[in-house]
Amino acid sequence: MANRFSNMLKKFGLALGADRGVLSQKDGGSRVSVDAEHKTDSVSRVYSQALLELAQAAEKSGAEGQAGGQAGGQADALAAEAGELLGLLGREPDLDRLLSSRALNSSQRKSVVERLFKGKISDVLYRFIQVVNRKDRLGSLAGILVAYRGLVSEARGELGVDVYVAEALSDEASRGVAESIGSAMGKQVQLRQHIDPELIGGLKVRVGDRLIDGSVVTQLRIMKRKLVEAGRERARAGGQLED
């Protein structure tokens, strides 16, 4: 999917003045970040529920026209598409900037979405993204997609868990992490890995809105804070002795 959009992104950069320099000047270069600090807020959850209802409605409509449709098929297919789009947003910062930039108005973003996605993703997901744009919520698209995948996993009886690591886990390590979390939570775990070299080592685990941070960089930050606090305590104690 990524290769398909690369040339088009360059064209949009020229046509809409959305190159890196212009975006940086107009909106501070801000963009949706699909990284270890990404959170699914209340807006994301509301829109993800709406997307799930759209998928269920589309599936029901299809089932009425064709008997024997597989339950949950449309929702699962959209979850797979959401995963691909999330990966694309992470790999293509230019696409990310175009969708979330305040340098573009709603009409311009509509054109971007149409040219990039119409006929290339499912009609349900395409129409949904256009609705999100009209509501001026494209900056929350990544969070919406993450939340939607969580809803689908929950409907399957699975627990969607995002693991952030400095380097990709081996298959054996990935299974071990999934089994440990699944045993603790009493559910089957669907593990999603995210690579973040800045973590140095260790890992972060996000289960819904809960973040368990066991990364080396965070442990170093905690250690530094404790050392600073200890130094201040010693300085205060020394001052009291002089008095």
C-alpha atoms as a PDB file:
ATOM      1  CA  MET A   1       0.000   0.000   0.000  1.00  0.00           C
ATOM      2  CA  ALA A   2       2.857   2.389   0.810  1.00  0.00           C
ATOM      3  CA  ASN A   3       4.459   2.293  -2.651  1.00  0.00           C
ATOM      4  CA  ARG A   4       1.098   3.041  -4.238  1.00  0.00           C
ATOM      5  CA  PHE A   5       0.872   6.448  -2.566  1.00  0.00           C
ATOM      6  CA  SER A   6       4.468   7.713  -2.649  1.00  0.00           C
ATOM      7  CA  ASN A   7       4.313   9.495  -6.029  1.00  0.00           C
ATOM      8  CA  MET A   8       0.842  10.872  -5.330  1.00  0.00           C
ATOM      9  CA  LEU A   9       2.041  12.356  -2.061  1.00  0.00           C
ATOM     10  CA  LYS A  10       4.766  14.245  -3.916  1.00  0.00           C
ATOM     11  CA  LYS A  11       2.185  15.606  -6.368  1.00  0.00           C
ATOM     12  CA  PHE A  12      -0.032  16.804  -3.531  1.00  0.00           C
ATOM     13  CA  GLY A  13       2.949  18.501  -1.932  1.00  0.00           C
ATOM     14  CA  LEU A  14       3.334  20.607  -5.075  1.00  0.00           C
ATOM     15  CA  ALA A  15      -0.370  21.133  -5.834  1.00  0.00           C
ATOM     16  CA  LEU A  16      -1.468  22.147  -2.358  1.00  0.00           C
ATOM     17  CA  GLY A  17       1.712  23.750  -1.030  1.00  0.00           C
ATOM     18  CA  ALA A  18       1.925  20.959   1.511  1.00  0.00           C
ATOM     19  CA  ASP A  19       5.646  20.264   1.375  1.00  0.00           C
ATOM     20  CA  ARG A  20       7.598  19.941   4.603  1.00  0.00           C
ATOM     21  CA  GLY A  21       8.683  23.583   4.693  1.00  0.00           C
ATOM     22  CA  VAL A  22       5.204  25.053   4.194  1.00  0.00           C
ATOM     23  CA  LEU A  23       3.638  22.699   6.684  1.00  0.00           C
ATOM     24  CA  SER A  24       6.280  23.486   9.268  1.00  0.00           C
ATOM     25  CA  GLN A  25       5.634  27.206   8.890  1.00  0.00           C
ATOM     26  CA  LYS A  26       1.850  27.003   8.986  1.00  0.00           C
ATOM     27  CA  ASP A  27       1.177  24.363  11.605  1.00  0.00           C
ATOM     28  CA  GLY A  28       4.463  23.864  13.385  1.00  0.00           C
ATOM     29  CA  GLY A  29       4.986  20.547  11.611  1.00  0.00           C
ATOM     30  CA  SER A  30       2.516  18.907  13.953  1.00  0.00           C
ATOM     31  CA  ARG A  31       1.097  15.557  12.912  1.00  0.00           C
ATOM     32  CA  VAL A  32      -0.595  12.461  14.225  1.00  0.00           C
ATOM     33  CA  SER A  33       2.074  10.249  15.726  1.00  0.00           C
ATOM     34  CA  VAL A  34       1.687   6.486  15.664  1.00  0.00           C
ATOM     35  CA  ASP A  35       4.249   5.774  18.349  1.00  0.00           C
ATOM     36  CA  ALA A  36       4.749   4.580  21.908  1.00  0.00           C
ATOM     37  CA  GLU A  37       2.987   7.579  23.411  1.00  0.00           C
ATOM     38  CA  HIS A  38      -0.093   7.296  21.221  1.00  0.00           C
ATOM     39  CA  LYS A  39      -3.349   7.285  23.185  1.00  0.00           C
ATOM     40  CA  THR A  40      -6.935   6.508  22.263  1.00  0.00           C
ATOM     41  CA  ASP A  41      -8.966   9.331  23.764  1.00  0.00           C
ATOM     42  CA  SER A  42     -12.722   9.682  24.162  1.00  0.00           C
ATOM     43  CA  VAL A  43     -13.088  11.138  20.652  1.00  0.00           C
ATOM     44  CA  SER A  44     -11.295   8.130  19.165  1.00  0.00           C
ATOM     45  CA  ARG A  45     -13.519   5.714  21.057  1.00  0.00           C
ATOM     46  CA  VAL A  46     -16.729   7.453  19.945  1.00  0.00           C
ATOM     47  CA  TYR A  47     -15.717   7.427  16.282  1.00  0.00           C
ATOM     48  CA  SER A  48     -14.413   3.868  16.456  1.00  0.00           C
ATOM     49  CA  GLN A  49     -17.807   2.744  17.768  1.00  0.00           C
ATOM     50  CA  ALA A  50     -19.447   4.546  14.837  1.00  0.00           C
ATOM     51  CA  LEU A  51     -17.136   2.709  12.415  1.00  0.00           C
ATOM     52  CA  LEU A  52     -18.026  -0.619  14.016  1.00  0.00           C
ATOM     53  CA  GLU A  53     -21.730   0.165  13.598  1.00  0.00           C
ATOM     54  CA  LEU A  54     -21.128   1.037   9.936  1.00  0.00           C
ATOM     55  CA  ALA A  55     -19.357  -2.289   9.431  1.00  0.00           C
ATOM     56  CA  GLN A  56     -22.211  -4.168  11.098  1.00  0.00           C
ATOM     57  CA  ALA A  57     -24.789  -2.322   8.980  1.00  0.00           C
ATOM     58  CA  ALA A  58     -22.858  -3.088   5.778  1.00  0.00           C
ATOM     59  CA  GLU A  59     -22.579  -6.724   6.790  1.00  0.00           C
ATOM     60  CA  LYS A  60     -26.285  -6.952   7.566  1.00  0.00           C
ATOM     61  CA  SER A  61     -27.116  -5.388   4.210  1.00  0.00           C
ATOM     62  CA  GLY A  62     -24.852  -7.868   2.445  1.00  0.00           C
ATOM     63  CA  ALA A  63     -26.288 -10.811   4.371  1.00  0.00           C
ATOM     64  CA  GLU A  64     -29.817  -9.863   3.301  1.00  0.00           C
ATOM     65  CA  GLY A  65     -28.748 -10.029  -0.326  1.00  0.00           C
ATOM     66  CA  GLN A  66     -26.675 -13.191   0.049  1.00  0.00           C
ATOM     67  CA  ALA A  67     -27.537 -15.934   2.514  1.00  0.00           C
ATOM     68  CA  GLY A  68     -24.875 -17.622   4.567  1.00  0.00           C
ATOM     69  CA  GLY A  69     -22.585 -14.623   5.073  1.00  0.00           C
ATOM     70  CA  GLN A  70     -19.910 -15.088   7.709  1.00  0.00           C
ATOM     71  CA  ALA A  71     -20.688 -13.250  10.970  1.00  0.00           C
ATOM     72  CA  GLY A  72     -18.180 -10.546  11.791  1.00  0.00           C
ATOM     73  CA  GLY A  73     -16.582 -10.736   8.333  1.00  0.00           C
ATOM     74  CA  GLN A  74     -16.989  -7.053   7.468  1.00  0.00           C
ATOM     75  CA  ALA A  75     -15.760  -5.902  10.877  1.00  0.00           C
ATOM     76  CA  ASP A  76     -12.724  -8.191  10.636  1.00  0.00           C
ATOM     77  CA  ALA A  77     -11.944  -7.031   7.102  1.00  0.00           C
ATOM     78  CA  LEU A  78     -12.100  -3.399   8.234  1.00  0.00           C
ATOM     79  CA  ALA A  79      -9.839  -4.204  11.186  1.00  0.00           C
ATOM     80  CA  ALA A  80      -7.274  -5.613   8.751  1.00  0.00           C
ATOM     81  CA  GLU A  81      -7.575  -2.475   6.596  1.00  0.00           C
ATOM     82  CA  ALA A  82      -7.202  -0.309   9.697  1.00  0.00           C
ATOM     83  CA  GLY A  83      -3.981  -2.130  10.529  1.00  0.00           C
ATOM     84  CA  GLU A  84      -2.606  -1.517   7.036  1.00  0.00           C
ATOM     85  CA  LEU A  85      -3.539   2.148   7.169  1.00  0.00           C
ATOM     86  CA  LEU A  86      -1.939   2.556  10.591  1.00  0.00           C
ATOM     87  CA  GLY A  87       1.249   1.047   9.230  1.00  0.00           C
ATOM     88  CA  LEU A  88       1.093   3.421   6.272  1.00  0.00           C
ATOM     89  CA  LEU A  89       0.652   6.454   8.528  1.00  0.00           C
ATOM     90  CA  GLY A  90       3.702   5.363  10.469  1.00  0.00           C
ATOM     91  CA  ARG A  91       5.839   4.805   7.376  1.00  0.00           C
ATOM     92  CA  GLU A  92       4.688   7.817   5.342  1.00  0.00           C
ATOM     93  CA  PRO A  93       5.111  11.045   7.341  1.00  0.00           C
ATOM     94  CA  ASP A  94       4.074  13.102   4.292  1.00  0.00           C
ATOM     95  CA  LEU A  95       0.685  11.391   4.232  1.00  0.00           C
ATOM     96  CA  ASP A  96       0.376  11.909   7.955  1.00  0.00           C
ATOM     97  CA  ARG A  97       1.104  15.625   7.578  1.00  0.00           C
ATOM     98  CA  LEU A  98      -1.358  16.047   4.725  1.00  0.00           C
ATOM     99  CA  LEU A  99      -4.215  14.454   6.627  1.00  0.00           C
ATOM    100  CA  SER A 100      -3.704  16.287   9.912  1.00  0.00           C
ATOM    101  CA  SER A 101      -2.275  19.635   8.791  1.00  0.00           C
ATOM    102  CA  ARG A 102      -4.128  22.827   9.694  1.00  0.00           C
ATOM    103  CA  ALA A 103      -2.550  24.352   6.578  1.00  0.00           C
ATOM    104  CA  LEU A 104      -5.290  22.638   4.553  1.00  0.00           C
ATOM    105  CA  ASN A 105      -8.993  23.359   4.889  1.00  0.00           C
ATOM    106  CA  SER A 106     -11.679  20.675   4.929  1.00  0.00           C
ATOM    107  CA  SER A 107     -12.335  20.956   1.191  1.00  0.00           C
ATOM    108  CA  GLN A 108      -8.648  20.493   0.352  1.00  0.00           C
ATOM    109  CA  ARG A 109      -8.347  17.510   2.680  1.00  0.00           C
ATOM    110  CA  LYS A 110     -11.458  16.027   1.071  1.00  0.00           C
ATOM    111  CA  SER A 111      -9.690  16.193  -2.268  1.00  0.00           C
ATOM    112  CA  VAL A 112      -6.587  14.595  -0.771  1.00  0.00           C
ATOM    113  CA  VAL A 113      -8.608  11.742   0.725  1.00  0.00           C
ATOM    114  CA  GLU A 114     -10.515  11.194  -2.516  1.00  0.00           C
ATOM    115  CA  ARG A 115      -7.417  11.120  -4.714  1.00  0.00           C
ATOM    116  CA  LEU A 116      -5.453   8.885  -2.352  1.00  0.00           C
ATOM    117  CA  PHE A 117      -8.052   6.420  -1.134  1.00  0.00           C
ATOM    118  CA  LYS A 118     -11.140   6.245  -3.354  1.00  0.00           C
ATOM    119  CA  GLY A 119     -11.190   2.860  -5.059  1.00  0.00           C
ATOM    120  CA  LYS A 120      -8.095   1.735  -3.147  1.00  0.00           C
ATOM    121  CA  ILE A 121      -9.740   0.946   0.194  1.00  0.00           C
ATOM    122  CA  SER A 122     -13.199  -0.387   0.974  1.00  0.00           C
ATOM    123  CA  ASP A 123     -16.100   1.959   0.331  1.00  0.00           C
ATOM    124  CA  VAL A 124     -17.141   1.765   4.000  1.00  0.00           C
ATOM    125  CA  LEU A 125     -13.740   2.903   5.245  1.00  0.00           C
ATOM    126  CA  TYR A 126     -13.431   5.570   2.543  1.00  0.00           C
ATOM    127  CA  ARG A 127     -16.819   7.117   3.350  1.00  0.00           C
ATOM    128  CA  PHE A 128     -16.026   6.983   7.050  1.00  0.00           C
ATOM    129  CA  ILE A 129     -12.731   8.841   6.576  1.00  0.00           C
ATOM    130  CA  GLN A 130     -14.577  11.537   4.629  1.00  0.00           C
ATOM    131  CA  VAL A 131     -17.060  11.906   7.501  1.00  0.00           C
ATOM    132  CA  VAL A 132     -14.155  12.204   9.953  1.00  0.00           C
ATOM    133  CA  ASN A 133     -12.724  14.943   7.734  1.00  0.00           C
ATOM    134  CA  ARG A 134     -16.027  16.860   7.625  1.00  0.00           C
ATOM    135  CA  LYS A 135     -16.074  16.753  11.421  1.00  0.00           C
ATOM    136  CA  ASP A 136     -12.498  18.135  11.412  1.00  0.00           C
ATOM    137  CA  ARG A 137     -11.188  15.044  13.212  1.00  0.00           C
ATOM    138  CA  LEU A 138      -8.612  13.688  10.748  1.00  0.00           C
ATOM    139  CA  GLY A 139      -5.945  14.516  13.312  1.00  0.00           C
ATOM    140  CA  SER A 140      -7.467  11.737  15.433  1.00  0.00           C
ATOM    141  CA  LEU A 141      -7.605   9.175  12.616  1.00  0.00           C
ATOM    142  CA  ALA A 142      -4.775   6.998  13.945  1.00  0.00           C
ATOM    143  CA  GLY A 143      -6.345   6.875  17.409  1.00  0.00           C
ATOM    144  CA  ILE A 144      -9.725   6.014  15.898  1.00  0.00           C
ATOM    145  CA  LEU A 145      -8.226   3.113  13.945  1.00  0.00           C
ATOM    146  CA  VAL A 146      -6.387   1.811  17.009  1.00  0.00           C
ATOM    147  CA  ALA A 147      -9.577   2.011  19.072  1.00  0.00           C
ATOM    148  CA  TYR A 148     -11.579   0.272  16.339  1.00  0.00           C
ATOM    149  CA  ARG A 149      -9.178  -2.650  16.226  1.00  0.00           C
ATOM    150  CA  GLY A 150      -9.538  -2.912  19.982  1.00  0.00           C
ATOM    151  CA  LEU A 151     -13.328  -3.079  19.694  1.00  0.00           C
ATOM    152  CA  VAL A 152     -13.121  -5.867  17.095  1.00  0.00           C
ATOM    153  CA  SER A 153     -10.659  -7.832  19.241  1.00  0.00           C
ATOM    154  CA  GLU A 154     -12.971  -7.430  22.217  1.00  0.00           C
ATOM    155  CA  ALA A 155     -15.933  -8.694  20.168  1.00  0.00           C
ATOM    156  CA  ARG A 156     -13.884 -11.797  19.304  1.00  0.00           C
ATOM    157  CA  GLY A 157     -13.222 -12.384  22.985  1.00  0.00           C
ATOM    158  CA  GLU A 158      -9.607 -11.362  22.488  1.00  0.00           C
ATOM    159  CA  LEU A 159      -7.591  -8.760  24.328  1.00  0.00           C
ATOM    160  CA  GLY A 160      -5.770  -6.352  22.036  1.00  0.00           C
ATOM    161  CA  VAL A 161      -2.379  -5.509  23.506  1.00  0.00           C
ATOM    162  CA  ASP A 162       0.136  -3.065  22.030  1.00  0.00           C
ATOM    163  CA  VAL A 163       3.763  -3.750  22.893  1.00  0.00           C
ATOM    164  CA  TYR A 164       6.425  -1.107  22.219  1.00  0.00           C
ATOM    165  CA  VAL A 165      10.015  -2.369  22.017  1.00  0.00           C
ATOM    166  CA  ALA A 166      13.381  -1.023  20.887  1.00  0.00           C
ATOM    167  CA  GLU A 167      13.889  -4.028  18.593  1.00  0.00           C
ATOM    168  CA  ALA A 168      11.414  -6.532  17.164  1.00  0.00           C
ATOM    169  CA  LEU A 169      10.701  -9.492  19.438  1.00  0.00           C
ATOM    170  CA  SER A 170      11.408 -12.968  18.141  1.00  0.00           C
ATOM    171  CA  ASP A 171       8.406 -15.227  17.508  1.00  0.00           C
ATOM    172  CA  GLU A 172       9.226 -17.151  20.683  1.00  0.00           C
ATOM    173  CA  ALA A 173       9.533 -13.993  22.797  1.00  0.00           C
ATOM    174  CA  SER A 174       6.336 -12.589  21.280  1.00  0.00           C
ATOM    175  CA  ARG A 175       4.429 -15.767  22.167  1.00  0.00           C
ATOM    176  CA  GLY A 176       5.864 -15.666  25.675  1.00  0.00           C
ATOM    177  CA  VAL A 177       4.756 -12.075  26.239  1.00  0.00           C
ATOM    178  CA  ALA A 178       1.280 -12.818  24.839  1.00  0.00           C
ATOM    179  CA  GLU A 179       0.907 -15.928  27.016  1.00  0.00           C
ATOM    180  CA  SER A 180       2.061 -14.104  30.163  1.00  0.00           C
ATOM    181  CA  ILE A 181      -0.351 -11.213  29.638  1.00  0.00           C
ATOM    182  CA  GLY A 182      -3.154 -13.580  28.609  1.00  0.00           C
ATOM    183  CA  SER A 183      -2.652 -15.680  31.730  1.00  0.00           C
ATOM    184  CA  ALA A 184      -2.739 -12.584  33.942  1.00  0.00           C
ATOM    185  CA  MET A 185      -5.833 -11.148  32.246  1.00  0.00           C
ATOM    186  CA  GLY A 186      -7.664 -14.424  31.685  1.00  0.00           C
ATOM    187  CA  LYS A 187      -8.098 -13.768  27.951  1.00  0.00           C
ATOM    188  CA  GLN A 188      -6.606 -14.710  24.633  1.00  0.00           C
ATOM    189  CA  VAL A 189      -4.226 -11.930  23.635  1.00  0.00           C
ATOM    190  CA  GLN A 190      -3.741 -10.409  20.207  1.00  0.00           C
ATOM    191  CA  LEU A 191      -0.279  -8.880  20.413  1.00  0.00           C
ATOM    192  CA  ARG A 192       0.679  -5.926  18.224  1.00  0.00           C
ATOM    193  CA  GLN A 193       4.337  -4.926  18.134  1.00  0.00           C
ATOM    194  CA  HIS A 194       5.558  -1.354  17.627  1.00  0.00           C
ATOM    195  CA  ILE A 195       9.254  -0.552  17.196  1.00  0.00           C
ATOM    196  CA  ASP A 196      10.566   2.522  19.039  1.00  0.00           C
ATOM    197  CA  PRO A 197      14.406   2.667  19.133  1.00  0.00           C
ATOM    198  CA  GLU A 198      14.297   5.528  21.651  1.00  0.00           C
ATOM    199  CA  LEU A 199      13.212   3.074  24.353  1.00  0.00           C
ATOM    200  CA  ILE A 200      16.813   1.696  24.384  1.00  0.00           C
ATOM    201  CA  GLY A 201      15.609  -1.576  25.909  1.00  0.00           C
ATOM    202  CA  GLY A 202      12.787  -3.121  27.925  1.00  0.00           C
ATOM    203  CA  LEU A 203       9.232  -2.595  26.759  1.00  0.00           C
ATOM    204  CA  LYS A 204       6.002  -0.680  27.162  1.00  0.00           C
ATOM    205  CA  VAL A 205       2.678  -2.486  27.215  1.00  0.00           C
ATOM    206  CA  ARG A 206      -0.610  -0.753  26.498  1.00  0.00           C
ATOM    207  CA  VAL A 207      -3.851  -2.550  27.332  1.00  0.00           C
ATOM    208  CA  GLY A 208      -6.699  -0.222  26.419  1.00  0.00           C
ATOM    209  CA  ASP A 209      -6.008   3.031  28.253  1.00  0.00           C
ATOM    210  CA  ARG A 210      -3.587   1.421  30.718  1.00  0.00           C
ATOM    211  CA  LEU A 211       0.142   1.819  30.076  1.00  0.00           C
ATOM    212  CA  ILE A 212       2.715  -0.377  31.809  1.00  0.00           C
ATOM    213  CA  ASP A 213       6.105   1.210  31.248  1.00  0.00           C
ATOM    214  CA  GLY A 214       9.099  -1.067  31.759  1.00  0.00           C
ATOM    215  CA  SER A 215      11.397   0.630  29.239  1.00  0.00           C
ATOM    216  CA  VAL A 216      15.030   1.309  30.050  1.00  0.00           C
ATOM    217  CA  VAL A 217      14.705   4.992  29.183  1.00  0.00           C
ATOM    218  CA  THR A 218      11.879   5.399  31.708  1.00  0.00           C
ATOM    219  CA  GLN A 219      13.809   3.506  34.381  1.00  0.00           C
ATOM    220  CA  LEU A 220      16.788   5.829  33.782  1.00  0.00           C
ATOM    221  CA  ARG A 221      14.492   8.838  34.045  1.00  0.00           C
ATOM    222  CA  ILE A 222      13.105   7.556  37.353  1.00  0.00           C
ATOM    223  CA  MET A 223      16.626   6.880  38.633  1.00  0.00           C
ATOM    224  CA  LYS A 224      17.735  10.377  37.666  1.00  0.00           C
ATOM    225  CA  ARG A 225      14.750  11.912  39.458  1.00  0.00           C
ATOM    226  CA  LYS A 226      15.499   9.900  42.608  1.00  0.00           C
ATOM    227  CA  LEU A 227      19.151  10.975  42.535  1.00  0.00           C
ATOM    228  CA  VAL A 228      18.151  14.640  42.169  1.00  0.00           C
ATOM    229  CA  GLU A 229      15.682  14.323  45.043  1.00  0.00           C
ATOM    230  CA  ALA A 230      18.322  12.614  47.210  1.00  0.00           C
ATOM    231  CA  GLY A 231      20.795  15.415  46.429  1.00  0.00           C
ATOM    232  CA  ARG A 232      18.271  18.034  47.446  1.00  0.00           C
ATOM    233  CA  GLU A 233      17.567  16.210  50.683  1.00  0.00           C
ATOM    234  CA  ARG A 234      21.284  16.087  51.486  1.00  0.00           C
ATOM    235  CA  ALA A 235      21.625  19.790  50.669  1.00  0.00           C
ATOM    236  CA  ARG A 236      18.712  20.643  52.970  1.00  0.00           C
ATOM    237  CA  ALA A 237      20.125  18.441  55.740  1.00  0.00           C
ATOM    238  CA  GLY A 238      23.540  20.128  55.390  1.00  0.00           C
ATOM    239  CA  GLY A 239      21.946  23.543  55.625  1.00  0.00           C
ATOM    240  CA  GLN A 240      20.109  22.587  58.809  1.00  0.00           C
ATOM    241  CA  LEU A 241      23.351  21.331  60.426  1.00  0.00           C
ATOM    242  CA  GLU A 242      25.092  24.648  59.652  1.00  0.00           C
ATOM    243  CA  ASP A 243      22.257  26.509  61.357  1.00  0.00           C
END
